[in-house]
Amino acid sequence: MNRNYEVMLILKPDLGEQDRDDVIGKIIKKIEELEGKTVSSKVWAKEKDFFYFLRGTDAEKKKYFKGFYWLIEFTLDTVKLIELKKLMKLEERLLRKLIINIEEKNKSEVLT
């Protein structure tokens, strides 16, 4: 069953434009390989400050006080979402990710 999702990605701020495009392209390509569809993909904020620091997953455990925010809206089968999450977990250039089911988000907004 396909559902609508929104993923907020926080990429390392010290990445070049090519590296950012590679990460986003890799995720969008994986969505399409899993027979999903990308609705939109856009920069949400450039080098936005955090309220707390994030540690990188690389060997040096660098602390990050800023990040590059990217928002992707897509549709994907709920069973195949697990594979997409695995890809994102292995991507070292991502500091954080948050995937939200848009339908559930809209239902909760109606109830409040």
PDB file of N, CA and C in Angstrom:
ATOM      1  N   MET A   1       0.833  -1.183   0.000  1.00  0.00           N
ATOM      2  CA  MET A   1       0.000   0.000   0.000  1.00  0.00           C
ATOM      3  C   MET A   1       0.880   1.250   0.000  1.00  0.00           C
ATOM      4  N   ASN A   2       0.718   2.083  -0.991  1.00  0.00           N
ATOM      5  CA  ASN A   2       1.508   3.315  -1.095  1.00  0.00           C
ATOM      6  C   ASN A   2       0.963   4.386  -0.162  1.00  0.00           C
ATOM      7  N   ARG A   3       1.874   5.090   0.467  1.00  0.00           N
ATOM      8  CA  ARG A   3       1.513   6.199   1.346  1.00  0.00           C
ATOM      9  C   ARG A   3       2.377   7.406   1.000  1.00  0.00           C
ATOM     10  N   ASN A   4       1.911   8.559   1.419  1.00  0.00           N
ATOM     11  CA  ASN A   4       2.648   9.805   1.204  1.00  0.00           C
ATOM     12  C   ASN A   4       3.533  10.081   2.410  1.00  0.00           C
ATOM     13  N   TYR A   5       4.797  10.366   2.133  1.00  0.00           N
ATOM     14  CA  TYR A   5       5.773  10.630   3.198  1.00  0.00           C
ATOM     15  C   TYR A   5       6.500  11.940   2.924  1.00  0.00           C
ATOM     16  N   GLU A   6       7.087  12.446   3.992  1.00  0.00           N
ATOM     17  CA  GLU A   6       7.928  13.632   3.934  1.00  0.00           C
ATOM     18  C   GLU A   6       9.168  13.293   4.758  1.00  0.00           C
ATOM     19  N   VAL A   7      10.341  13.535   4.202  1.00  0.00           N
ATOM     20  CA  VAL A   7      11.579  13.280   4.950  1.00  0.00           C
ATOM     21  C   VAL A   7      12.383  14.578   5.032  1.00  0.00           C
ATOM     22  N   MET A   8      12.784  14.909   6.266  1.00  0.00           N
ATOM     23  CA  MET A   8      13.664  16.047   6.490  1.00  0.00           C
ATOM     24  C   MET A   8      15.053  15.486   6.728  1.00  0.00           C
ATOM     25  N   LEU A   9      15.987  15.895   5.905  1.00  0.00           N
ATOM     26  CA  LEU A   9      17.373  15.440   6.011  1.00  0.00           C
ATOM     27  C   LEU A   9      18.234  16.592   6.503  1.00  0.00           C
ATOM     28  N   ILE A  10      19.169  16.297   7.388  1.00  0.00           N
ATOM     29  CA  ILE A  10      20.166  17.289   7.793  1.00  0.00           C
ATOM     30  C   ILE A  10      21.515  16.760   7.343  1.00  0.00           C
ATOM     31  N   LEU A  11      22.113  17.454   6.387  1.00  0.00           N
ATOM     32  CA  LEU A  11      23.409  17.062   5.845  1.00  0.00           C
ATOM     33  C   LEU A  11      24.518  17.858   6.523  1.00  0.00           C
ATOM     34  N   LYS A  12      25.710  17.306   6.493  1.00  0.00           N
ATOM     35  CA  LYS A  12      26.865  18.000   7.069  1.00  0.00           C
ATOM     36  C   LYS A  12      27.054  19.341   6.364  1.00  0.00           C
ATOM     37  N   PRO A  13      27.299  20.411   7.116  1.00  0.00           N
ATOM     38  CA  PRO A  13      27.421  21.737   6.510  1.00  0.00           C
ATOM     39  C   PRO A  13      28.698  21.931   5.697  1.00  0.00           C
ATOM     40  N   ASP A  14      29.707  21.097   5.932  1.00  0.00           N
ATOM     41  CA  ASP A  14      30.971  21.271   5.226  1.00  0.00           C
ATOM     42  C   ASP A  14      31.033  20.515   3.899  1.00  0.00           C
ATOM     43  N   LEU A  15      29.901  19.957   3.458  1.00  0.00           N
ATOM     44  CA  LEU A  15      29.860  19.268   2.163  1.00  0.00           C
ATOM     45  C   LEU A  15      29.805  20.283   1.035  1.00  0.00           C
ATOM     46  N   GLY A  16      30.417  19.944  -0.064  1.00  0.00           N
ATOM     47  CA  GLY A  16      30.322  20.781  -1.248  1.00  0.00           C
ATOM     48  C   GLY A  16      28.988  20.558  -1.945  1.00  0.00           C
ATOM     49  N   GLU A  17      28.698  21.403  -2.898  1.00  0.00           N
ATOM     50  CA  GLU A  17      27.430  21.296  -3.624  1.00  0.00           C
ATOM     51  C   GLU A  17      27.309  19.950  -4.336  1.00  0.00           C
ATOM     52  N   GLN A  18      28.401  19.459  -4.900  1.00  0.00           N
ATOM     53  CA  GLN A  18      28.385  18.177  -5.606  1.00  0.00           C
ATOM     54  C   GLN A  18      28.060  17.025  -4.651  1.00  0.00           C
ATOM     55  N   ASP A  19      28.659  17.042  -3.456  1.00  0.00           N
ATOM     56  CA  ASP A  19      28.382  16.000  -2.468  1.00  0.00           C
ATOM     57  C   ASP A  19      26.923  16.028  -2.017  1.00  0.00           C
ATOM     58  N   ARG A  20      26.388  17.221  -1.793  1.00  0.00           N
ATOM     59  CA  ARG A  20      24.969  17.334  -1.411  1.00  0.00           C
ATOM     60  C   ARG A  20      24.078  16.774  -2.503  1.00  0.00           C
ATOM     61  N   ASP A  21      24.377  17.144  -3.750  1.00  0.00           N
ATOM     62  CA  ASP A  21      23.584  16.638  -4.876  1.00  0.00           C
ATOM     63  C   ASP A  21      23.691  15.117  -4.993  1.00  0.00           C
ATOM     64  N   ASP A  22      24.876  14.566  -4.703  1.00  0.00           N
ATOM     65  CA  ASP A  22      25.068  13.112  -4.745  1.00  0.00           C
ATOM     66  C   ASP A  22      24.199  12.409  -3.705  1.00  0.00           C
ATOM     67  N   VAL A  23      24.177  12.939  -2.485  1.00  0.00           N
ATOM     68  CA  VAL A  23      23.382  12.323  -1.416  1.00  0.00           C
ATOM     69  C   VAL A  23      21.897  12.363  -1.768  1.00  0.00           C
ATOM     70  N   ILE A  24      21.420  13.527  -2.160  1.00  0.00           N
ATOM     71  CA  ILE A  24      19.999  13.675  -2.489  1.00  0.00           C
ATOM     72  C   ILE A  24      19.655  12.815  -3.700  1.00  0.00           C
ATOM     73  N   GLY A  25      20.512  12.820  -4.711  1.00  0.00           N
ATOM     74  CA  GLY A  25      20.291  12.001  -5.901  1.00  0.00           C
ATOM     75  C   GLY A  25      20.235  10.523  -5.570  1.00  0.00           C
ATOM     76  N   LYS A  26      21.096  10.088  -4.669  1.00  0.00           N
ATOM     77  CA  LYS A  26      21.139   8.687  -4.248  1.00  0.00           C
ATOM     78  C   LYS A  26      19.823   8.280  -3.572  1.00  0.00           C
ATOM     79  N   ILE A  27      19.286   9.157  -2.725  1.00  0.00           N
ATOM     80  CA  ILE A  27      18.039   8.869  -2.022  1.00  0.00           C
ATOM     81  C   ILE A  27      16.864   8.862  -2.989  1.00  0.00           C
ATOM     82  N   ILE A  28      16.807   9.841  -3.888  1.00  0.00           N
ATOM     83  CA  ILE A  28      15.720   9.899  -4.871  1.00  0.00           C
ATOM     84  C   ILE A  28      15.781   8.694  -5.802  1.00  0.00           C
ATOM     85  N   LYS A  29      16.981   8.301  -6.200  1.00  0.00           N
ATOM     86  CA  LYS A  29      17.144   7.128  -7.061  1.00  0.00           C
ATOM     87  C   LYS A  29      16.642   5.873  -6.349  1.00  0.00           C
ATOM     88  N   LYS A  30      16.929   5.748  -5.049  1.00  0.00           N
ATOM     89  CA  LYS A  30      16.480   4.584  -4.281  1.00  0.00           C
ATOM     90  C   LYS A  30      14.946   4.560  -4.183  1.00  0.00           C
ATOM     91  N   ILE A  31      14.342   5.718  -4.005  1.00  0.00           N
ATOM     92  CA  ILE A  31      12.873   5.797  -3.967  1.00  0.00           C
ATOM     93  C   ILE A  31      12.293   5.285  -5.275  1.00  0.00           C
ATOM     94  N   GLU A  32      12.880   5.711  -6.393  1.00  0.00           N
ATOM     95  CA  GLU A  32      12.400   5.278  -7.706  1.00  0.00           C
ATOM     96  C   GLU A  32      12.665   3.786  -7.939  1.00  0.00           C
ATOM     97  N   GLU A  33      13.808   3.273  -7.476  1.00  0.00           N
ATOM     98  CA  GLU A  33      14.106   1.838  -7.599  1.00  0.00           C
ATOM     99  C   GLU A  33      13.101   0.991  -6.822  1.00  0.00           C
ATOM    100  N   LEU A  34      12.599   1.541  -5.722  1.00  0.00           N
ATOM    101  CA  LEU A  34      11.622   0.837  -4.892  1.00  0.00           C
ATOM    102  C   LEU A  34      10.191   1.064  -5.386  1.00  0.00           C
ATOM    103  N   GLU A  35      10.066   1.589  -6.615  1.00  0.00           N
ATOM    104  CA  GLU A  35       8.786   1.840  -7.280  1.00  0.00           C
ATOM    105  C   GLU A  35       7.964   2.928  -6.592  1.00  0.00           C
ATOM    106  N   GLY A  36       8.659   3.876  -5.983  1.00  0.00           N
ATOM    107  CA  GLY A  36       8.009   5.036  -5.393  1.00  0.00           C
ATOM    108  C   GLY A  36       8.090   6.216  -6.341  1.00  0.00           C
ATOM    109  N   LYS A  37       7.550   7.341  -5.908  1.00  0.00           N
ATOM    110  CA  LYS A  37       7.560   8.544  -6.747  1.00  0.00           C
ATOM    111  C   LYS A  37       7.913   9.749  -5.885  1.00  0.00           C
ATOM    112  N   THR A  38       8.860  10.552  -6.361  1.00  0.00           N
ATOM    113  CA  THR A  38       9.232  11.780  -5.675  1.00  0.00           C
ATOM    114  C   THR A  38       8.292  12.893  -6.104  1.00  0.00           C
ATOM    115  N   VAL A  39       7.628  13.509  -5.138  1.00  0.00           N
ATOM    116  CA  VAL A  39       6.691  14.599  -5.414  1.00  0.00           C
ATOM    117  C   VAL A  39       7.433  15.929  -5.482  1.00  0.00           C
ATOM    118  N   SER A  40       8.309  16.178  -4.506  1.00  0.00           N
ATOM    119  CA  SER A  40       9.110  17.406  -4.515  1.00  0.00           C
ATOM    120  C   SER A  40      10.406  17.178  -3.750  1.00  0.00           C
ATOM    121  N   SER A  41      11.400  17.983  -4.074  1.00  0.00           N
ATOM    122  CA  SER A  41      12.701  17.924  -3.427  1.00  0.00           C
ATOM    123  C   SER A  41      13.263  19.339  -3.423  1.00  0.00           C
ATOM    124  N   LYS A  42      13.513  19.877  -2.221  1.00  0.00           N
ATOM    125  CA  LYS A  42      13.962  21.262  -2.162  1.00  0.00           C
ATOM    126  C   LYS A  42      14.793  21.539  -0.918  1.00  0.00           C
ATOM    127  N   VAL A  43      15.580  22.590  -0.988  1.00  0.00           N
ATOM    128  CA  VAL A  43      16.345  23.070   0.153  1.00  0.00           C
ATOM    129  C   VAL A  43      15.362  23.705   1.126  1.00  0.00           C
ATOM    130  N   TRP A  44      15.449  23.313   2.384  1.00  0.00           N
ATOM    131  CA  TRP A  44      14.572  23.902   3.394  1.00  0.00           C
ATOM    132  C   TRP A  44      15.291  25.041   4.108  1.00  0.00           C
ATOM    133  N   ALA A  45      16.581  24.845   4.417  1.00  0.00           N
ATOM    134  CA  ALA A  45      17.384  25.904   5.037  1.00  0.00           C
ATOM    135  C   ALA A  45      18.861  25.610   4.797  1.00  0.00           C
ATOM    136  N   LYS A  46      19.626  26.651   4.524  1.00  0.00           N
ATOM    137  CA  LYS A  46      21.063  26.498   4.315  1.00  0.00           C
ATOM    138  C   LYS A  46      21.793  26.823   5.610  1.00  0.00           C
ATOM    139  N   GLU A  47      22.581  25.873   6.075  1.00  0.00           N
ATOM    140  CA  GLU A  47      23.421  26.033   7.257  1.00  0.00           C
ATOM    141  C   GLU A  47      22.682  26.663   8.430  1.00  0.00           C
ATOM    142  N   LYS A  48      21.572  26.078   8.774  1.00  0.00           N
ATOM    143  CA  LYS A  48      20.777  26.533   9.915  1.00  0.00           C
ATOM    144  C   LYS A  48      21.417  26.043  11.210  1.00  0.00           C
ATOM    145  N   ASP A  49      21.367  26.887  12.247  1.00  0.00           N
ATOM    146  CA  ASP A  49      21.905  26.521  13.557  1.00  0.00           C
ATOM    147  C   ASP A  49      21.025  25.472  14.225  1.00  0.00           C
ATOM    148  N   PHE A  50      21.647  24.640  15.068  1.00  0.00           N
ATOM    149  CA  PHE A  50      20.924  23.667  15.871  1.00  0.00           C
ATOM    150  C   PHE A  50      20.731  24.239  17.265  1.00  0.00           C
ATOM    151  N   PHE A  51      19.768  23.713  17.975  1.00  0.00           N
ATOM    152  CA  PHE A  51      19.620  24.057  19.383  1.00  0.00           C
ATOM    153  C   PHE A  51      20.583  23.228  20.232  1.00  0.00           C
ATOM    154  N   TYR A  52      21.100  22.173  19.670  1.00  0.00           N
ATOM    155  CA  TYR A  52      22.076  21.317  20.323  1.00  0.00           C
ATOM    156  C   TYR A  52      23.039  20.837  19.250  1.00  0.00           C
ATOM    157  N   PHE A  53      24.180  20.346  19.637  1.00  0.00           N
ATOM    158  CA  PHE A  53      25.150  19.917  18.634  1.00  0.00           C
ATOM    159  C   PHE A  53      24.880  18.473  18.218  1.00  0.00           C
ATOM    160  N   LEU A  54      25.271  18.147  16.997  1.00  0.00           N
ATOM    161  CA  LEU A  54      25.142  16.797  16.477  1.00  0.00           C
ATOM    162  C   LEU A  54      26.525  16.217  16.262  1.00  0.00           C
ATOM    163  N   ARG A  55      26.675  14.978  16.595  1.00  0.00           N
ATOM    164  CA  ARG A  55      27.947  14.294  16.350  1.00  0.00           C
ATOM    165  C   ARG A  55      27.864  13.575  15.018  1.00  0.00           C
ATOM    166  N   GLY A  56      28.930  13.679  14.254  1.00  0.00           N
ATOM    167  CA  GLY A  56      29.009  12.941  13.004  1.00  0.00           C
ATOM    168  C   GLY A  56      29.228  11.464  13.280  1.00  0.00           C
ATOM    169  N   THR A  57      28.970  10.631  12.295  1.00  0.00           N
ATOM    170  CA  THR A  57      29.156   9.191  12.464  1.00  0.00           C
ATOM    171  C   THR A  57      30.529   8.730  12.006  1.00  0.00           C
ATOM    172  N   ASP A  58      31.329   9.651  11.491  1.00  0.00           N
ATOM    173  CA  ASP A  58      32.653   9.260  11.002  1.00  0.00           C
ATOM    174  C   ASP A  58      33.624   9.050  12.173  1.00  0.00           C
ATOM    175  N   ALA A  59      34.805   8.595  11.862  1.00  0.00           N
ATOM    176  CA  ALA A  59      35.781   8.190  12.876  1.00  0.00           C
ATOM    177  C   ALA A  59      36.190   9.341  13.797  1.00  0.00           C
ATOM    178  N   GLU A  60      36.199  10.566  13.291  1.00  0.00           N
ATOM    179  CA  GLU A  60      36.697  11.669  14.108  1.00  0.00           C
ATOM    180  C   GLU A  60      35.653  12.226  15.080  1.00  0.00           C
ATOM    181  N   LYS A  61      34.402  11.825  14.980  1.00  0.00           N
ATOM    182  CA  LYS A  61      33.328  12.266  15.873  1.00  0.00           C
ATOM    183  C   LYS A  61      33.289  13.789  16.002  1.00  0.00           C
ATOM    184  N   LYS A  62      33.315  14.453  14.890  1.00  0.00           N
ATOM    185  CA  LYS A  62      33.285  15.903  14.846  1.00  0.00           C
ATOM    186  C   LYS A  62      31.935  16.421  15.334  1.00  0.00           C
ATOM    187  N   LYS A  63      31.933  17.536  16.039  1.00  0.00           N
ATOM    188  CA  LYS A  63      30.691  18.147  16.504  1.00  0.00           C
ATOM    189  C   LYS A  63      30.223  19.169  15.478  1.00  0.00           C
ATOM    190  N   TYR A  64      28.939  19.150  15.175  1.00  0.00           N
ATOM    191  CA  TYR A  64      28.363  20.087  14.210  1.00  0.00           C
ATOM    192  C   TYR A  64      27.356  20.986  14.907  1.00  0.00           C
ATOM    193  N   PHE A  65      27.475  22.276  14.675  1.00  0.00           N
ATOM    194  CA  PHE A  65      26.562  23.249  15.255  1.00  0.00           C
ATOM    195  C   PHE A  65      25.629  23.831  14.199  1.00  0.00           C
ATOM    196  N   LYS A  66      25.838  23.444  12.954  1.00  0.00           N
ATOM    197  CA  LYS A  66      24.997  23.875  11.838  1.00  0.00           C
ATOM    198  C   LYS A  66      24.753  22.674  10.940  1.00  0.00           C
ATOM    199  N   GLY A  67      23.763  22.788  10.083  1.00  0.00           N
ATOM    200  CA  GLY A  67      23.473  21.724   9.137  1.00  0.00           C
ATOM    201  C   GLY A  67      22.750  22.271   7.921  1.00  0.00           C
ATOM    202  N   PHE A  68      22.755  21.494   6.860  1.00  0.00           N
ATOM    203  CA  PHE A  68      22.094  21.855   5.607  1.00  0.00           C
ATOM    204  C   PHE A  68      20.808  21.030   5.539  1.00  0.00           C
ATOM    205  N   TYR A  69      19.653  21.682   5.606  1.00  0.00           N
ATOM    206  CA  TYR A  69      18.366  21.002   5.673  1.00  0.00           C
ATOM    207  C   TYR A  69      17.775  20.807   4.264  1.00  0.00           C
ATOM    208  N   TRP A  70      17.292  19.607   4.000  1.00  0.00           N
ATOM    209  CA  TRP A  70      16.697  19.287   2.709  1.00  0.00           C
ATOM    210  C   TRP A  70      15.392  18.539   2.950  1.00  0.00           C
ATOM    211  N   LEU A  71      14.343  18.906   2.217  1.00  0.00           N
ATOM    212  CA  LEU A  71      13.019  18.309   2.381  1.00  0.00           C
ATOM    213  C   LEU A  71      12.621  17.577   1.108  1.00  0.00           C
ATOM    214  N   ILE A  72      12.215  16.311   1.253  1.00  0.00           N
ATOM    215  CA  ILE A  72      11.748  15.506   0.111  1.00  0.00           C
ATOM    216  C   ILE A  72      10.370  14.956   0.438  1.00  0.00           C
ATOM    217  N   GLU A  73       9.415  15.165  -0.462  1.00  0.00           N
ATOM    218  CA  GLU A  73       8.092  14.550  -0.352  1.00  0.00           C
ATOM    219  C   GLU A  73       8.019  13.438  -1.385  1.00  0.00           C
ATOM    220  N   PHE A  74       7.500  12.276  -0.958  1.00  0.00           N
ATOM    221  CA  PHE A  74       7.455  11.130  -1.864  1.00  0.00           C
ATOM    222  C   PHE A  74       6.333  10.176  -1.476  1.00  0.00           C
ATOM    223  N   THR A  75       5.995   9.284  -2.411  1.00  0.00           N
ATOM    224  CA  THR A  75       5.064   8.191  -2.138  1.00  0.00           C
ATOM    225  C   THR A  75       5.834   6.892  -2.258  1.00  0.00           C
ATOM    226  N   LEU A  76       5.534   5.952  -1.363  1.00  0.00           N
ATOM    227  CA  LEU A  76       6.250   4.681  -1.341  1.00  0.00           C
ATOM    228  C   LEU A  76       5.417   3.647  -0.609  1.00  0.00           C
ATOM    229  N   ASP A  77       5.582   2.395  -1.009  1.00  0.00           N
ATOM    230  CA  ASP A  77       4.933   1.285  -0.325  1.00  0.00           C
ATOM    231  C   ASP A  77       5.491   1.196   1.097  1.00  0.00           C
ATOM    232  N   THR A  78       4.619   0.968   2.058  1.00  0.00           N
ATOM    233  CA  THR A  78       5.038   0.928   3.457  1.00  0.00           C
ATOM    234  C   THR A  78       6.066  -0.169   3.726  1.00  0.00           C
ATOM    235  N   VAL A  79       5.965  -1.291   3.031  1.00  0.00           N
ATOM    236  CA  VAL A  79       6.911  -2.398   3.225  1.00  0.00           C
ATOM    237  C   VAL A  79       8.304  -2.014   2.725  1.00  0.00           C
ATOM    238  N   LYS A  80       8.367  -1.245   1.648  1.00  0.00           N
ATOM    239  CA  LYS A  80       9.648  -0.870   1.046  1.00  0.00           C
ATOM    240  C   LYS A  80      10.329   0.294   1.761  1.00  0.00           C
ATOM    241  N   LEU A  81       9.610   0.940   2.664  1.00  0.00           N
ATOM    242  CA  LEU A  81      10.181   2.059   3.415  1.00  0.00           C
ATOM    243  C   LEU A  81      11.379   1.607   4.253  1.00  0.00           C
ATOM    244  N   ILE A  82      11.362   0.372   4.701  1.00  0.00           N
ATOM    245  CA  ILE A  82      12.456  -0.177   5.508  1.00  0.00           C
ATOM    246  C   ILE A  82      13.774  -0.142   4.735  1.00  0.00           C
ATOM    247  N   GLU A  83      13.728  -0.483   3.452  1.00  0.00           N
ATOM    248  CA  GLU A  83      14.946  -0.465   2.633  1.00  0.00           C
ATOM    249  C   GLU A  83      15.486   0.952   2.471  1.00  0.00           C
ATOM    250  N   LEU A  84      14.589   1.920   2.321  1.00  0.00           N
ATOM    251  CA  LEU A  84      15.014   3.317   2.203  1.00  0.00           C
ATOM    252  C   LEU A  84      15.675   3.787   3.504  1.00  0.00           C
ATOM    253  N   LYS A  85      15.115   3.399   4.635  1.00  0.00           N
ATOM    254  CA  LYS A  85      15.694   3.764   5.929  1.00  0.00           C
ATOM    255  C   LYS A  85      17.096   3.170   6.098  1.00  0.00           C
ATOM    256  N   LYS A  86      17.290   1.938   5.618  1.00  0.00           N
ATOM    257  CA  LYS A  86      18.613   1.305   5.694  1.00  0.00           C
ATOM    258  C   LYS A  86      19.645   2.106   4.913  1.00  0.00           C
ATOM    259  N   LEU A  87      19.267   2.538   3.705  1.00  0.00           N
ATOM    260  CA  LEU A  87      20.179   3.340   2.883  1.00  0.00           C
ATOM    261  C   LEU A  87      20.563   4.626   3.605  1.00  0.00           C
ATOM    262  N   MET A  88      19.580   5.294   4.195  1.00  0.00           N
ATOM    263  CA  MET A  88      19.854   6.558   4.882  1.00  0.00           C
ATOM    264  C   MET A  88      20.727   6.346   6.113  1.00  0.00           C
ATOM    265  N   LYS A  89      20.532   5.245   6.802  1.00  0.00           N
ATOM    266  CA  LYS A  89      21.328   4.965   7.995  1.00  0.00           C
ATOM    267  C   LYS A  89      22.799   4.751   7.650  1.00  0.00           C
ATOM    268  N   LEU A  90      23.062   4.182   6.485  1.00  0.00           N
ATOM    269  CA  LEU A  90      24.434   3.910   6.061  1.00  0.00           C
ATOM    270  C   LEU A  90      25.131   5.122   5.444  1.00  0.00           C
ATOM    271  N   GLU A  91      24.368   6.152   5.110  1.00  0.00           N
ATOM    272  CA  GLU A  91      24.941   7.340   4.466  1.00  0.00           C
ATOM    273  C   GLU A  91      25.627   8.214   5.512  1.00  0.00           C
ATOM    274  N   GLU A  92      26.958   8.290   5.446  1.00  0.00           N
ATOM    275  CA  GLU A  92      27.744   9.016   6.439  1.00  0.00           C
ATOM    276  C   GLU A  92      27.661  10.529   6.299  1.00  0.00           C
ATOM    277  N   ARG A  93      27.207  11.018   5.184  1.00  0.00           N
ATOM    278  CA  ARG A  93      27.121  12.470   4.988  1.00  0.00           C
ATOM    279  C   ARG A  93      25.843  13.061   5.581  1.00  0.00           C
ATOM    280  N   LEU A  94      24.940  12.194   6.079  1.00  0.00           N
ATOM    281  CA  LEU A  94      23.724  12.644   6.752  1.00  0.00           C
ATOM    282  C   LEU A  94      23.959  12.700   8.251  1.00  0.00           C
ATOM    283  N   LEU A  95      23.554  13.803   8.869  1.00  0.00           N
ATOM    284  CA  LEU A  95      23.636  13.902  10.321  1.00  0.00           C
ATOM    285  C   LEU A  95      22.359  13.375  10.970  1.00  0.00           C
ATOM    286  N   ARG A  96      21.217  13.716  10.411  1.00  0.00           N
ATOM    287  CA  ARG A  96      19.926  13.293  10.943  1.00  0.00           C
ATOM    288  C   ARG A  96      18.917  13.132   9.815  1.00  0.00           C
ATOM    289  N   LYS A  97      17.863  12.350  10.119  1.00  0.00           N
ATOM    290  CA  LYS A  97      16.740  12.201   9.194  1.00  0.00           C
ATOM    291  C   LYS A  97      15.475  12.037  10.004  1.00  0.00           C
ATOM    292  N   LEU A  98      14.363  12.493   9.453  1.00  0.00           N
ATOM    293  CA  LEU A  98      13.060  12.309  10.074  1.00  0.00           C
ATOM    294  C   LEU A  98      12.056  12.066   8.968  1.00  0.00           C
ATOM    295  N   ILE A  99      11.407  10.895   9.018  1.00  0.00           N
ATOM    296  CA  ILE A  99      10.411  10.539   8.018  1.00  0.00           C
ATOM    297  C   ILE A  99       9.039  10.604   8.671  1.00  0.00           C
ATOM    298  N   ILE A 100       8.127  11.323   8.039  1.00  0.00           N
ATOM    299  CA  ILE A 100       6.774  11.502   8.568  1.00  0.00           C
ATOM    300  C   ILE A 100       5.767  11.030   7.535  1.00  0.00           C
ATOM    301  N   ASN A 101       4.770  10.282   7.997  1.00  0.00           N
ATOM    302  CA  ASN A 101       3.643   9.892   7.155  1.00  0.00           C
ATOM    303  C   ASN A 101       2.722  11.108   7.071  1.00  0.00           C
ATOM    304  N   ILE A 102       2.583  11.697   5.903  1.00  0.00           N
ATOM    305  CA  ILE A 102       1.824  12.940   5.748  1.00  0.00           C
ATOM    306  C   ILE A 102       0.352  12.750   6.086  1.00  0.00           C
ATOM    307  N   GLU A 103      -0.239  11.597   5.731  1.00  0.00           N
ATOM    308  CA  GLU A 103      -1.646  11.360   6.025  1.00  0.00           C
ATOM    309  C   GLU A 103      -1.898  11.369   7.530  1.00  0.00           C
ATOM    310  N   GLU A 104      -1.001  10.736   8.301  1.00  0.00           N
ATOM    311  CA  GLU A 104      -1.150  10.713   9.755  1.00  0.00           C
ATOM    312  C   GLU A 104      -0.992  12.120  10.329  1.00  0.00           C
ATOM    313  N   LYS A 105      -0.067  12.884   9.757  1.00  0.00           N
ATOM    314  CA  LYS A 105       0.154  14.256  10.205  1.00  0.00           C
ATOM    315  C   LYS A 105      -1.107  15.086   9.980  1.00  0.00           C
ATOM    316  N   ASN A 106      -1.730  14.940   8.813  1.00  0.00           N
ATOM    317  CA  ASN A 106      -2.938  15.694   8.497  1.00  0.00           C
ATOM    318  C   ASN A 106      -4.107  15.286   9.384  1.00  0.00           C
ATOM    319  N   LYS A 107      -4.222  14.004   9.708  1.00  0.00           N
ATOM    320  CA  LYS A 107      -5.286  13.531  10.600  1.00  0.00           C
ATOM    321  C   LYS A 107      -5.153  14.160  11.977  1.00  0.00           C
ATOM    322  N   SER A 108      -3.943  14.232  12.497  1.00  0.00           N
ATOM    323  CA  SER A 108      -3.747  14.802  13.837  1.00  0.00           C
ATOM    324  C   SER A 108      -4.025  16.302  13.848  1.00  0.00           C
ATOM    325  N   GLU A 109      -3.774  17.000  12.748  1.00  0.00           N
ATOM    326  CA  GLU A 109      -4.065  18.417  12.671  1.00  0.00           C
ATOM    327  C   GLU A 109      -5.572  18.662  12.685  1.00  0.00           C
ATOM    328  N   VAL A 110      -6.348  17.769  12.074  1.00  0.00           N
ATOM    329  CA  VAL A 110      -7.797  17.901  12.051  1.00  0.00           C
ATOM    330  C   VAL A 110      -8.382  17.662  13.441  1.00  0.00           C
ATOM    331  N   LEU A 111      -7.794  16.737  14.192  1.00  0.00           N
ATOM    332  CA  LEU A 111      -8.298  16.392  15.514  1.00  0.00           C
ATOM    333  C   LEU A 111      -8.037  17.457  16.560  1.00  0.00           C
ATOM    334  N   THR A 112      -6.988  18.270  16.366  1.00  0.00           N
ATOM    335  CA  THR A 112      -6.679  19.300  17.385  1.00  0.00           C
ATOM    336  C   THR A 112      -7.346  20.599  17.117  1.00  0.00           C
TER     337      THR A 112
END
